[in-house]
C-alpha atoms as a PDB file:
ATOM      1  CA  UNK A   1      -2.537  22.844  24.403  1.00  0.00           C
ATOM      2  CA  UNK A   2      -4.759  21.144  21.649  1.00  0.00           C
ATOM      3  CA  UNK A   3      -3.284  18.228  20.300  1.00  0.00           C
ATOM      4  CA  UNK A   4      -2.397  18.604  16.551  1.00  0.00           C
ATOM      5  CA  UNK A   5      -3.060  16.441  13.425  1.00  0.00           C
ATOM      6  CA  UNK A   6      -1.564  16.592  10.301  1.00  0.00           C
ATOM      7  CA  UNK A   7      -3.930  16.234   7.452  1.00  0.00           C
ATOM      8  CA  UNK A   8      -2.556  15.797   4.089  1.00  0.00           C
ATOM      9  CA  UNK A   9      -4.804  16.628   1.357  1.00  0.00           C
ATOM     10  CA  UNK A  10      -6.780  18.496   3.659  1.00  0.00           C
ATOM     11  CA  UNK A  11      -7.681  21.112   1.499  1.00  0.00           C
ATOM     12  CA  UNK A  12      -9.809  18.500  -0.698  1.00  0.00           C
ATOM     13  CA  UNK A  13     -13.120  17.082  -0.619  1.00  0.00           C
ATOM     14  CA  UNK A  14     -13.015  14.485   2.301  1.00  0.00           C
ATOM     15  CA  UNK A  15      -9.899  16.035   3.933  1.00  0.00           C
ATOM     16  CA  UNK A  16     -11.389  19.462   4.540  1.00  0.00           C
ATOM     17  CA  UNK A  17     -14.560  17.870   5.994  1.00  0.00           C
ATOM     18  CA  UNK A  18     -12.689  15.658   8.127  1.00  0.00           C
ATOM     19  CA  UNK A  19     -10.446  19.027   9.400  1.00  0.00           C
ATOM     20  CA  UNK A  20     -14.129  20.447  10.333  1.00  0.00           C
ATOM     21  CA  UNK A  21     -14.863  17.511  12.295  1.00  0.00           C
ATOM     22  CA  UNK A  22     -11.590  17.357  13.918  1.00  0.00           C
ATOM     23  CA  UNK A  23     -11.532  21.035  14.903  1.00  0.00           C
ATOM     24  CA  UNK A  24     -15.195  20.360  16.524  1.00  0.00           C
ATOM     25  CA  UNK A  25     -13.797  17.718  18.159  1.00  0.00           C
ATOM     26  CA  UNK A  26     -10.929  19.410  20.107  1.00  0.00           C
ATOM     27  CA  UNK A  27      -7.954  19.036  17.835  1.00  0.00           C
ATOM     28  CA  UNK A  28      -6.107  21.415  15.612  1.00  0.00           C
ATOM     29  CA  UNK A  29      -6.059  19.971  12.102  1.00  0.00           C
ATOM     30  CA  UNK A  30      -2.726  21.136  10.292  1.00  0.00           C
ATOM     31  CA  UNK A  31      -3.192  20.706   6.663  1.00  0.00           C
ATOM     32  CA  UNK A  32      -0.285  19.582   4.391  1.00  0.00           C
ATOM     33  CA  UNK A  33      -1.511  20.152   0.500  1.00  0.00           C
ATOM     34  CA  UNK A  34       0.114  21.300  -2.364  1.00  0.00           C
ATOM     35  CA  UNK A  35      -3.190  22.552  -3.809  1.00  0.00           C
ATOM     36  CA  UNK A  36      -2.849  20.897  -7.134  1.00  0.00           C
ATOM     37  CA  UNK A  37      -6.523  19.689  -6.921  1.00  0.00           C
ATOM     38  CA  UNK A  38      -7.322  21.121  -3.226  1.00  0.00           C
ATOM     39  CA  UNK A  39      -8.598  24.398  -2.438  1.00  0.00           C
ATOM     40  CA  UNK A  40      -7.055  27.063  -0.069  1.00  0.00           C
ATOM     41  CA  UNK A  41     -10.737  28.509   0.468  1.00  0.00           C
ATOM     42  CA  UNK A  42     -11.295  25.084   2.046  1.00  0.00           C
ATOM     43  CA  UNK A  43      -8.653  25.324   5.010  1.00  0.00           C
ATOM     44  CA  UNK A  44     -10.593  26.990   7.601  1.00  0.00           C
ATOM     45  CA  UNK A  45     -10.097  25.228  10.826  1.00  0.00           C
ATOM     46  CA  UNK A  46      -6.265  24.975  11.110  1.00  0.00           C
ATOM     47  CA  UNK A  47      -2.872  26.196   9.551  1.00  0.00           C
ATOM     48  CA  UNK A  48      -2.021  25.530   6.045  1.00  0.00           C
ATOM     49  CA  UNK A  49       1.449  23.749   5.181  1.00  0.00           C
ATOM     50  CA  UNK A  50       1.657  24.276   1.223  1.00  0.00           C
ATOM     51  CA  UNK A  51       3.801  21.204   0.496  1.00  0.00           C
ATOM     52  CA  UNK A  52       4.106  18.278  -1.915  1.00  0.00           C
ATOM     53  CA  UNK A  53       4.210  15.097   0.303  1.00  0.00           C
ATOM     54  CA  UNK A  54       7.073  13.680  -2.011  1.00  0.00           C
ATOM     55  CA  UNK A  55       9.436  16.465  -0.701  1.00  0.00           C
ATOM     56  CA  UNK A  56      10.685  14.076   1.804  1.00  0.00           C
ATOM     57  CA  UNK A  57      12.776  17.073   3.624  1.00  0.00           C
ATOM     58  CA  UNK A  58       9.896  19.342   3.688  1.00  0.00           C
ATOM     59  CA  UNK A  59       7.637  17.015   5.333  1.00  0.00           C
ATOM     60  CA  UNK A  60      10.082  16.016   7.760  1.00  0.00           C
ATOM     61  CA  UNK A  61      10.469  19.585   8.862  1.00  0.00           C
ATOM     62  CA  UNK A  62       6.705  20.187   9.017  1.00  0.00           C
ATOM     63  CA  UNK A  63       6.394  16.610  11.271  1.00  0.00           C
ATOM     64  CA  UNK A  64       9.300  18.070  13.370  1.00  0.00           C
ATOM     65  CA  UNK A  65       7.812  21.548  13.701  1.00  0.00           C
ATOM     66  CA  UNK A  66       3.981  20.655  14.467  1.00  0.00           C
ATOM     67  CA  UNK A  67       4.655  17.339  16.649  1.00  0.00           C
ATOM     68  CA  UNK A  68       1.280  15.891  15.630  1.00  0.00           C
ATOM     69  CA  UNK A  69      -0.364  12.969  17.679  1.00  0.00           C
ATOM     70  CA  UNK A  70      -1.393  11.246  14.464  1.00  0.00           C
ATOM     71  CA  UNK A  71      -1.526  11.763  10.464  1.00  0.00           C
ATOM     72  CA  UNK A  72      -4.542  11.465   8.500  1.00  0.00           C
ATOM     73  CA  UNK A  73      -3.361  10.730   4.955  1.00  0.00           C
ATOM     74  CA  UNK A  74      -5.661  11.822   2.308  1.00  0.00           C
ATOM     75  CA  UNK A  75      -3.329  12.962  -0.416  1.00  0.00           C
ATOM     76  CA  UNK A  76      -3.237  11.447  -3.649  1.00  0.00           C
ATOM     77  CA  UNK A  77      -5.010  11.186  -6.958  1.00  0.00           C
ATOM     78  CA  UNK A  78      -8.609   9.465  -7.207  1.00  0.00           C
ATOM     79  CA  UNK A  79     -10.046   8.823 -10.769  1.00  0.00           C
ATOM     80  CA  UNK A  80     -10.229   5.165 -11.300  1.00  0.00           C
ATOM     81  CA  UNK A  81     -10.322   5.936 -15.451  1.00  0.00           C
ATOM     82  CA  UNK A  82      -7.570   8.355 -15.357  1.00  0.00           C
ATOM     83  CA  UNK A  83      -5.122   5.808 -13.563  1.00  0.00           C
ATOM     84  CA  UNK A  84      -5.949   3.387 -16.592  1.00  0.00           C
ATOM     85  CA  UNK A  85      -4.670   6.086 -19.073  1.00  0.00           C
ATOM     86  CA  UNK A  86      -1.853   7.567 -16.868  1.00  0.00           C
ATOM     87  CA  UNK A  87      -0.659   5.073 -14.246  1.00  0.00           C
ATOM     88  CA  UNK A  88       2.576   6.503 -13.666  1.00  0.00           C
ATOM     89  CA  UNK A  89       1.067   9.656 -12.158  1.00  0.00           C
ATOM     90  CA  UNK A  90      -1.081   7.050  -9.677  1.00  0.00           C
ATOM     91  CA  UNK A  91       1.934   5.078  -8.916  1.00  0.00           C
ATOM     92  CA  UNK A  92       4.315   8.289  -8.421  1.00  0.00           C
ATOM     93  CA  UNK A  93       1.356  10.542  -6.428  1.00  0.00           C
ATOM     94  CA  UNK A  94      -0.155   7.324  -4.733  1.00  0.00           C
ATOM     95  CA  UNK A  95       2.450   5.183  -3.807  1.00  0.00           C
ATOM     96  CA  UNK A  96       5.658   7.221  -3.988  1.00  0.00           C
ATOM     97  CA  UNK A  97       3.727  10.217  -1.974  1.00  0.00           C
ATOM     98  CA  UNK A  98       2.710   7.763   0.803  1.00  0.00           C
ATOM     99  CA  UNK A  99       6.743   5.792   1.078  1.00  0.00           C
ATOM    100  CA  UNK A 100       7.487   9.526   1.412  1.00  0.00           C
ATOM    101  CA  UNK A 101       5.374  10.285   4.321  1.00  0.00           C
ATOM    102  CA  UNK A 102       5.987   6.973   5.948  1.00  0.00           C
ATOM    103  CA  UNK A 103       9.715   7.954   5.705  1.00  0.00           C
ATOM    104  CA  UNK A 104       9.223  11.298   7.424  1.00  0.00           C
ATOM    105  CA  UNK A 105       7.068   9.611  10.002  1.00  0.00           C
ATOM    106  CA  UNK A 106       9.697   7.307  10.949  1.00  0.00           C
ATOM    107  CA  UNK A 107      12.611  10.028  11.212  1.00  0.00           C
ATOM    108  CA  UNK A 108      10.118  11.922  13.546  1.00  0.00           C
ATOM    109  CA  UNK A 109       8.749   8.851  15.358  1.00  0.00           C
ATOM    110  CA  UNK A 110       5.014   9.484  14.673  1.00  0.00           C
ATOM    111  CA  UNK A 111       3.534   6.103  14.370  1.00  0.00           C
ATOM    112  CA  UNK A 112      -0.235   6.717  14.319  1.00  0.00           C
ATOM    113  CA  UNK A 113      -1.875   7.076  10.833  1.00  0.00           C
ATOM    114  CA  UNK A 114      -5.108   6.904   9.417  1.00  0.00           C
ATOM    115  CA  UNK A 115      -4.974   6.174   5.679  1.00  0.00           C
ATOM    116  CA  UNK A 116      -7.627   6.913   3.341  1.00  0.00           C
ATOM    117  CA  UNK A 117      -8.007   3.696   1.075  1.00  0.00           C
ATOM    118  CA  UNK A 118     -10.934   2.554  -0.973  1.00  0.00           C
ATOM    119  CA  UNK A 119     -13.141  -0.409  -2.079  1.00  0.00           C
ATOM    120  CA  UNK A 120     -11.560  -0.480  -5.154  1.00  0.00           C
ATOM    121  CA  UNK A 121      -8.750  -2.290  -3.672  1.00  0.00           C
ATOM    122  CA  UNK A 122     -11.549  -5.326  -3.588  1.00  0.00           C
ATOM    123  CA  UNK A 123     -11.890  -5.187  -7.386  1.00  0.00           C
ATOM    124  CA  UNK A 124     -14.601  -7.453  -8.734  1.00  0.00           C
ATOM    125  CA  UNK A 125     -15.625  -9.523  -5.961  1.00  0.00           C
ATOM    126  CA  UNK A 126     -18.251 -12.211  -6.750  1.00  0.00           C
ATOM    127  CA  UNK A 127     -19.784 -11.896  -3.171  1.00  0.00           C
ATOM    128  CA  UNK A 128     -21.918  -8.570  -2.025  1.00  0.00           C
ATOM    129  CA  UNK A 129     -21.968  -7.000   0.533  1.00  0.00           C
ATOM    130  CA  UNK A 130     -18.266  -6.957   0.572  1.00  0.00           C
ATOM    131  CA  UNK A 131     -16.511  -7.336   3.944  1.00  0.00           C
ATOM    132  CA  UNK A 132     -12.914  -6.665   5.032  1.00  0.00           C
ATOM    133  CA  UNK A 133     -12.221 -10.584   4.514  1.00  0.00           C
ATOM    134  CA  UNK A 134     -13.012 -10.133   1.009  1.00  0.00           C
ATOM    135  CA  UNK A 135      -9.655 -11.093  -1.323  1.00  0.00           C
ATOM    136  CA  UNK A 136      -8.140  -7.681  -2.537  1.00  0.00           C
ATOM    137  CA  UNK A 137      -7.720  -8.136  -6.241  1.00  0.00           C
ATOM    138  CA  UNK A 138      -7.475  -4.321  -7.502  1.00  0.00           C
ATOM    139  CA  UNK A 139      -8.279  -4.165 -11.565  1.00  0.00           C
ATOM    140  CA  UNK A 140      -7.156  -0.621 -11.921  1.00  0.00           C
ATOM    141  CA  UNK A 141      -3.876   1.386 -11.156  1.00  0.00           C
ATOM    142  CA  UNK A 142      -5.842   3.719  -9.034  1.00  0.00           C
ATOM    143  CA  UNK A 143      -6.893   0.524  -6.465  1.00  0.00           C
ATOM    144  CA  UNK A 144      -3.424  -1.382  -6.890  1.00  0.00           C
ATOM    145  CA  UNK A 145      -2.007   2.095  -5.761  1.00  0.00           C
ATOM    146  CA  UNK A 146      -4.036   1.978  -2.590  1.00  0.00           C
ATOM    147  CA  UNK A 147      -3.692  -1.678  -2.264  1.00  0.00           C
ATOM    148  CA  UNK A 148       0.423  -1.216  -2.684  1.00  0.00           C
ATOM    149  CA  UNK A 149       0.072   1.445   0.313  1.00  0.00           C
ATOM    150  CA  UNK A 150      -2.021  -0.897   2.692  1.00  0.00           C
ATOM    151  CA  UNK A 151       0.715  -3.642   2.442  1.00  0.00           C
ATOM    152  CA  UNK A 152       3.780  -0.856   2.660  1.00  0.00           C
ATOM    153  CA  UNK A 153       1.961   0.540   6.088  1.00  0.00           C
ATOM    154  CA  UNK A 154       1.619  -3.344   7.284  1.00  0.00           C
ATOM    155  CA  UNK A 155       5.271  -4.112   6.723  1.00  0.00           C
ATOM    156  CA  UNK A 156       6.299  -0.656   8.269  1.00  0.00           C
ATOM    157  CA  UNK A 157       4.389  -1.474  11.300  1.00  0.00           C
ATOM    158  CA  UNK A 158       5.996  -5.134  11.578  1.00  0.00           C
ATOM    159  CA  UNK A 159       9.327  -3.159  11.157  1.00  0.00           C
ATOM    160  CA  UNK A 160       9.090  -0.144  13.414  1.00  0.00           C
ATOM    161  CA  UNK A 161       5.778  -0.579  15.317  1.00  0.00           C
ATOM    162  CA  UNK A 162       3.974   1.983  13.160  1.00  0.00           C
ATOM    163  CA  UNK A 163      -0.165   1.604  13.992  1.00  0.00           C
ATOM    164  CA  UNK A 164      -2.089   1.979  10.769  1.00  0.00           C
ATOM    165  CA  UNK A 165      -5.788   1.957  10.327  1.00  0.00           C
ATOM    166  CA  UNK A 166      -6.958   1.521   6.679  1.00  0.00           C
ATOM    167  CA  UNK A 167     -10.351   3.157   5.657  1.00  0.00           C
ATOM    168  CA  UNK A 168     -11.710   1.525   2.795  1.00  0.00           C
ATOM    169  CA  UNK A 169     -14.108   4.096   1.509  1.00  0.00           C
ATOM    170  CA  UNK A 170     -17.137   3.529  -0.927  1.00  0.00           C
ATOM    171  CA  UNK A 171     -18.836   6.239  -2.704  1.00  0.00           C
ATOM    172  CA  UNK A 172     -18.132   9.553  -0.997  1.00  0.00           C
ATOM    173  CA  UNK A 173     -21.045  12.239  -1.565  1.00  0.00           C
ATOM    174  CA  UNK A 174     -23.135  15.337  -0.089  1.00  0.00           C
ATOM    175  CA  UNK A 175     -21.653  18.621   1.516  1.00  0.00           C
ATOM    176  CA  UNK A 176     -21.367  20.198   4.804  1.00  0.00           C
ATOM    177  CA  UNK A 177     -24.862  20.924   6.087  1.00  0.00           C
ATOM    178  CA  UNK A 178     -23.473  24.609   7.412  1.00  0.00           C
ATOM    179  CA  UNK A 179     -22.713  25.206   3.743  1.00  0.00           C
ATOM    180  CA  UNK A 180     -19.048  26.091   4.313  1.00  0.00           C
ATOM    181  CA  UNK A 181     -17.372  23.425   2.259  1.00  0.00           C
ATOM    182  CA  UNK A 182     -18.453  21.157  -0.672  1.00  0.00           C
ATOM    183  CA  UNK A 183     -17.512  18.945  -3.376  1.00  0.00           C
ATOM    184  CA  UNK A 184     -15.485  20.986  -6.097  1.00  0.00           C
ATOM    185  CA  UNK A 185     -13.474  18.795  -8.353  1.00  0.00           C
ATOM    186  CA  UNK A 186     -12.347  20.014 -11.628  1.00  0.00           C
ATOM    187  CA  UNK A 187     -12.943  18.692 -13.641  1.00  0.00           C
ATOM    188  CA  UNK A 188     -15.979  16.910 -11.845  1.00  0.00           C
ATOM    189  CA  UNK A 189     -16.766  13.196 -12.905  1.00  0.00           C
ATOM    190  CA  UNK A 190     -18.839  11.944  -9.978  1.00  0.00           C
ATOM    191  CA  UNK A 191     -22.442  10.930 -10.151  1.00  0.00           C
ATOM    192  CA  UNK A 192     -24.507  13.290  -7.849  1.00  0.00           C
ATOM    193  CA  UNK A 193     -22.604  16.289  -8.822  1.00  0.00           C
ATOM    194  CA  UNK A 194     -23.035  15.788 -12.377  1.00  0.00           C
ATOM    195  CA  UNK A 195     -26.582  14.998 -12.072  1.00  0.00           C
ATOM    196  CA  UNK A 196     -27.027  18.192  -9.963  1.00  0.00           C
ATOM    197  CA  UNK A 197     -25.142  20.134 -12.910  1.00  0.00           C
ATOM    198  CA  UNK A 198     -27.394  18.543 -15.685  1.00  0.00           C
ATOM    199  CA  UNK A 199     -30.501  19.511 -13.554  1.00  0.00           C
ATOM    200  CA  UNK A 200     -29.122  23.209 -13.501  1.00  0.00           C
ATOM    201  CA  UNK A 201     -28.278  23.429 -17.060  1.00  0.00           C
ATOM    202  CA  UNK A 202     -24.761  23.834 -16.374  1.00  0.00           C
ATOM    203  CA  UNK A 203     -23.829  20.826 -18.689  1.00  0.00           C
ATOM    204  CA  UNK A 204     -25.919  19.606 -21.478  1.00  0.00           C
ATOM    205  CA  UNK A 205     -26.805  16.461 -20.378  1.00  0.00           C
ATOM    206  CA  UNK A 206     -25.804  13.497 -17.655  1.00  0.00           C
ATOM    207  CA  UNK A 207     -24.606  10.275 -19.323  1.00  0.00           C
ATOM    208  CA  UNK A 208     -26.201   7.036 -18.188  1.00  0.00           C
ATOM    209  CA  UNK A 209     -23.315   4.738 -18.677  1.00  0.00           C
ATOM    210  CA  UNK A 210     -24.743   1.243 -18.960  1.00  0.00           C
ATOM    211  CA  UNK A 211     -28.603   0.058 -18.675  1.00  0.00           C
ATOM    212  CA  UNK A 212     -28.132  -3.624 -19.090  1.00  0.00           C
ATOM    213  CA  UNK A 213     -26.337  -4.392 -15.765  1.00  0.00           C
ATOM    214  CA  UNK A 214     -28.105  -7.563 -13.837  1.00  0.00           C
ATOM    215  CA  UNK A 215     -29.548  -5.110 -11.449  1.00  0.00           C
ATOM    216  CA  UNK A 216     -33.555  -4.557 -10.644  1.00  0.00           C
ATOM    217  CA  UNK A 217     -33.577  -1.329 -13.088  1.00  0.00           C
ATOM    218  CA  UNK A 218     -30.297  -2.320 -15.238  1.00  0.00           C
ATOM    219  CA  UNK A 219     -28.106   0.490 -13.595  1.00  0.00           C
ATOM    220  CA  UNK A 220     -25.111  -0.021 -11.444  1.00  0.00           C
ATOM    221  CA  UNK A 221     -25.954   0.114  -7.569  1.00  0.00           C
ATOM    222  CA  UNK A 222     -23.515   1.606  -5.151  1.00  0.00           C
ATOM    223  CA  UNK A 223     -23.135   2.517  -1.691  1.00  0.00           C
ATOM    224  CA  UNK A 224     -23.248   6.236  -1.281  1.00  0.00           C
ATOM    225  CA  UNK A 225     -22.002   7.669   2.164  1.00  0.00           C
ATOM    226  CA  UNK A 226     -22.195  11.021   3.170  1.00  0.00           C
ATOM    227  CA  UNK A 227     -18.672  13.050   3.327  1.00  0.00           C
ATOM    228  CA  UNK A 228     -19.643  13.985   6.961  1.00  0.00           C
ATOM    229  CA  UNK A 229     -19.991  10.556   8.127  1.00  0.00           C
ATOM    230  CA  UNK A 230     -16.667   9.614   6.221  1.00  0.00           C
ATOM    231  CA  UNK A 231     -15.056  12.579   8.520  1.00  0.00           C
ATOM    232  CA  UNK A 232     -16.840  10.664  11.769  1.00  0.00           C
ATOM    233  CA  UNK A 233     -15.318   7.316  10.498  1.00  0.00           C
ATOM    234  CA  UNK A 234     -11.729   9.154  10.757  1.00  0.00           C
ATOM    235  CA  UNK A 235     -12.577  10.348  14.083  1.00  0.00           C
ATOM    236  CA  UNK A 236     -13.785   6.914  15.324  1.00  0.00           C
ATOM    237  CA  UNK A 237     -10.382   5.758  13.866  1.00  0.00           C
ATOM    238  CA  UNK A 238      -8.263   8.424  15.281  1.00  0.00           C
ATOM    239  CA  UNK A 239     -10.280   7.714  18.772  1.00  0.00           C
ATOM    240  CA  UNK A 240      -8.888   3.882  18.205  1.00  0.00           C
ATOM    241  CA  UNK A 241      -5.403   4.995  17.726  1.00  0.00           C
ATOM    242  CA  UNK A 242      -5.211   7.503  20.765  1.00  0.00           C
ATOM    243  CA  UNK A 243      -7.071   4.603  23.120  1.00  0.00           C
ATOM    244  CA  UNK A 244      -4.001   2.222  22.358  1.00  0.00           C
ATOM    245  CA  UNK A 245      -6.120   0.358  19.707  1.00  0.00           C
ATOM    246  CA  UNK A 246      -4.217  -1.798  17.099  1.00  0.00           C
ATOM    247  CA  UNK A 247      -3.805  -1.685  13.452  1.00  0.00           C
ATOM    248  CA  UNK A 248      -7.292  -2.518  11.184  1.00  0.00           C
ATOM    249  CA  UNK A 249      -8.886  -2.131   8.078  1.00  0.00           C
ATOM    250  CA  UNK A 250     -12.503  -1.125   8.066  1.00  0.00           C
ATOM    251  CA  UNK A 251     -15.160  -0.414   5.404  1.00  0.00           C
ATOM    252  CA  UNK A 252     -16.640   2.794   5.588  1.00  0.00           C
ATOM    253  CA  UNK A 253     -20.223   2.538   3.677  1.00  0.00           C
ATOM    254  CA  UNK A 254     -23.952   2.700   4.595  1.00  0.00           C
ATOM    255  CA  UNK A 255     -24.633  -1.475   3.770  1.00  0.00           C
ATOM    256  CA  UNK A 256     -27.288   0.041   1.668  1.00  0.00           C
ATOM    257  CA  UNK A 257     -27.042   0.257  -2.234  1.00  0.00           C
ATOM    258  CA  UNK A 258     -28.651   2.920  -4.625  1.00  0.00           C
ATOM    259  CA  UNK A 259     -28.851   2.425  -8.304  1.00  0.00           C
ATOM    260  CA  UNK A 260     -27.921   5.119 -10.727  1.00  0.00           C
ATOM    261  CA  UNK A 261     -31.465   5.965 -11.895  1.00  0.00           C
ATOM    262  CA  UNK A 262     -32.446   5.951  -8.042  1.00  0.00           C
ATOM    263  CA  UNK A 263     -29.936   8.549  -7.457  1.00  0.00           C
ATOM    264  CA  UNK A 264     -30.976  10.610 -10.813  1.00  0.00           C
ATOM    265  CA  UNK A 265     -34.759  10.318  -9.021  1.00  0.00           C
ATOM    266  CA  UNK A 266     -33.702  11.782  -5.900  1.00  0.00           C
ATOM    267  CA  UNK A 267     -31.699  14.682  -7.647  1.00  0.00           C
ATOM    268  CA  UNK A 268     -35.244  15.228  -9.673  1.00  0.00           C
ATOM    269  CA  UNK A 269     -36.984  14.976  -6.203  1.00  0.00           C
ATOM    270  CA  UNK A 270     -34.773  17.444  -4.165  1.00  0.00           C
ATOM    271  CA  UNK A 271     -34.586  19.727  -7.194  1.00  0.00           C
ATOM    272  CA  UNK A 272     -37.763  19.936  -8.549  1.00  0.00           C
ATOM    273  CA  UNK A 273     -36.175  19.758 -12.198  1.00  0.00           C
ATOM    274  CA  UNK A 274     -35.459  16.993 -14.988  1.00  0.00           C
ATOM    275  CA  UNK A 275     -32.033  15.490 -14.941  1.00  0.00           C
ATOM    276  CA  UNK A 276     -31.606  15.471 -18.972  1.00  0.00           C
ATOM    277  CA  UNK A 277     -29.703  11.985 -19.874  1.00  0.00           C
ATOM    278  CA  UNK A 278     -28.146  10.211 -22.759  1.00  0.00           C
ATOM    279  CA  UNK A 279     -27.581   6.446 -22.463  1.00  0.00           C
ATOM    280  CA  UNK A 280     -24.086   5.531 -23.131  1.00  0.00           C
ATOM    281  CA  UNK A 281     -22.058   2.114 -22.998  1.00  0.00           C
ATOM    282  CA  UNK A 282     -20.695   0.763 -19.881  1.00  0.00           C
ATOM    283  CA  UNK A 283     -17.328   1.946 -18.264  1.00  0.00           C
ATOM    284  CA  UNK A 284     -14.848  -0.574 -18.362  1.00  0.00           C
ATOM    285  CA  UNK A 285     -14.331  -2.376 -15.233  1.00  0.00           C
ATOM    286  CA  UNK A 286     -17.492  -1.050 -13.837  1.00  0.00           C
ATOM    287  CA  UNK A 287     -19.340  -3.558 -11.387  1.00  0.00           C
ATOM    288  CA  UNK A 288     -23.067  -4.263 -11.573  1.00  0.00           C
ATOM    289  CA  UNK A 289     -23.022  -3.629  -7.420  1.00  0.00           C
ATOM    290  CA  UNK A 290     -20.580  -2.627  -4.830  1.00  0.00           C
ATOM    291  CA  UNK A 291     -21.956  -2.379  -1.196  1.00  0.00           C
ATOM    292  CA  UNK A 292     -20.272  -2.394   1.897  1.00  0.00           C
ATOM    293  CA  UNK A 293     -20.537  -4.726   4.871  1.00  0.00           C
ATOM    294  CA  UNK A 294     -20.189  -2.097   7.982  1.00  0.00           C
ATOM    295  CA  UNK A 295     -20.017  -5.025  10.904  1.00  0.00           C
ATOM    296  CA  UNK A 296     -16.500  -4.556  11.543  1.00  0.00           C
ATOM    297  CA  UNK A 297     -17.017  -0.352  11.689  1.00  0.00           C
ATOM    298  CA  UNK A 298     -19.956  -0.658  13.690  1.00  0.00           C
ATOM    299  CA  UNK A 299     -18.301  -3.148  16.481  1.00  0.00           C
ATOM    300  CA  UNK A 300     -14.830  -2.231  16.464  1.00  0.00           C
ATOM    301  CA  UNK A 301     -14.946   1.596  15.447  1.00  0.00           C
ATOM    302  CA  UNK A 302     -18.628   2.121  16.923  1.00  0.00           C
ATOM    303  CA  UNK A 303     -18.982   3.859  13.757  1.00  0.00           C
ATOM    304  CA  UNK A 304     -22.665   4.377  12.298  1.00  0.00           C
ATOM    305  CA  UNK A 305     -23.645   6.547   9.656  1.00  0.00           C
ATOM    306  CA  UNK A 306     -26.280   9.271  10.399  1.00  0.00           C
ATOM    307  CA  UNK A 307     -27.140  10.037   7.046  1.00  0.00           C
ATOM    308  CA  UNK A 308     -29.299   6.908   5.489  1.00  0.00           C
ATOM    309  CA  UNK A 309     -31.750   8.650   3.572  1.00  0.00           C
ATOM    310  CA  UNK A 310     -30.543   9.018   0.016  1.00  0.00           C
ATOM    311  CA  UNK A 311     -32.550  12.554  -0.564  1.00  0.00           C
ATOM    312  CA  UNK A 312     -31.587  13.818   2.405  1.00  0.00           C
ATOM    313  CA  UNK A 313     -27.855  13.343   1.276  1.00  0.00           C
ATOM    314  CA  UNK A 314     -28.403  14.567  -2.086  1.00  0.00           C
ATOM    315  CA  UNK A 315     -30.362  17.977  -0.595  1.00  0.00           C
ATOM    316  CA  UNK A 316     -27.034  18.794   1.109  1.00  0.00           C
ATOM    317  CA  UNK A 317     -25.023  18.528  -1.959  1.00  0.00           C
ATOM    318  CA  UNK A 318     -27.866  20.523  -4.068  1.00  0.00           C
ATOM    319  CA  UNK A 319     -27.475  23.193  -1.339  1.00  0.00           C
ATOM    320  CA  UNK A 320     -23.882  23.435  -1.942  1.00  0.00           C
ATOM    321  CA  UNK A 321     -24.150  23.646  -5.713  1.00  0.00           C
ATOM    322  CA  UNK A 322     -26.906  26.156  -5.508  1.00  0.00           C
ATOM    323  CA  UNK A 323     -24.908  28.357  -3.199  1.00  0.00           C
ATOM    324  CA  UNK A 324     -21.742  28.543  -5.151  1.00  0.00           C
END
């Protein structure tokens, strides 16, 4: 019998790509999702349990019934800007949901978990690239909610022997090269899909949030990692747990930065179209540069991204949007 892995938020963007990778590696991914922001059509490689992870009794019953070898925890709210406007939503969904999940795991004696964390837990570090030893000083409720869950997982590890692996993502992007799933947020706020939407005439223009950063072209630089590479990072973390490895925190990025203007240029090359732009003010809290130091993930997880060319990453996103 193939081992089962419970994937909370498995109907979402990164979760669904990870479910496909799990199935390809011989696991049965069991998606637990309330479908608030996830999509039923994205659940293709295993059963779907429609449930809110804040429902402790229902979640306990699901874990008891499936007896997973581990849990991959993606479920939660993800927009930093929205978290400033509605912090209670983020503490309720992200922290409250994680507490419920951890409690259900304790009830069913499931101790292995891979947690979807974020580089937003670092806040505004002075040193780039960012390694895992960088102080975590999150500057918005989204980052703080993820940081809080990391602390709760560490405390639970000390108390009952839970073994958490925390993966701090940089900027997820791209889509399944086979075209089966891709990025489909509603509303869409991320740079690459919005640039594609502008190139296709689906929105009037792309807002260029700040052109006066201390960077070579004046726009913010980010580390863009393909969603399929993120999925492979979860498989690497799962292998660590299955082989008896201990807890750990790891950055998942490429170690390379691309500016907003460079991303726009790549979208224009891939699409053969112009991206209409409007320069606007900086967004509050945006850093000039956020790039991952990936040494620890490479050395301890054996993780190296396969998608390192920005045009190739964006081509997968473009193909997905065109197909829809």
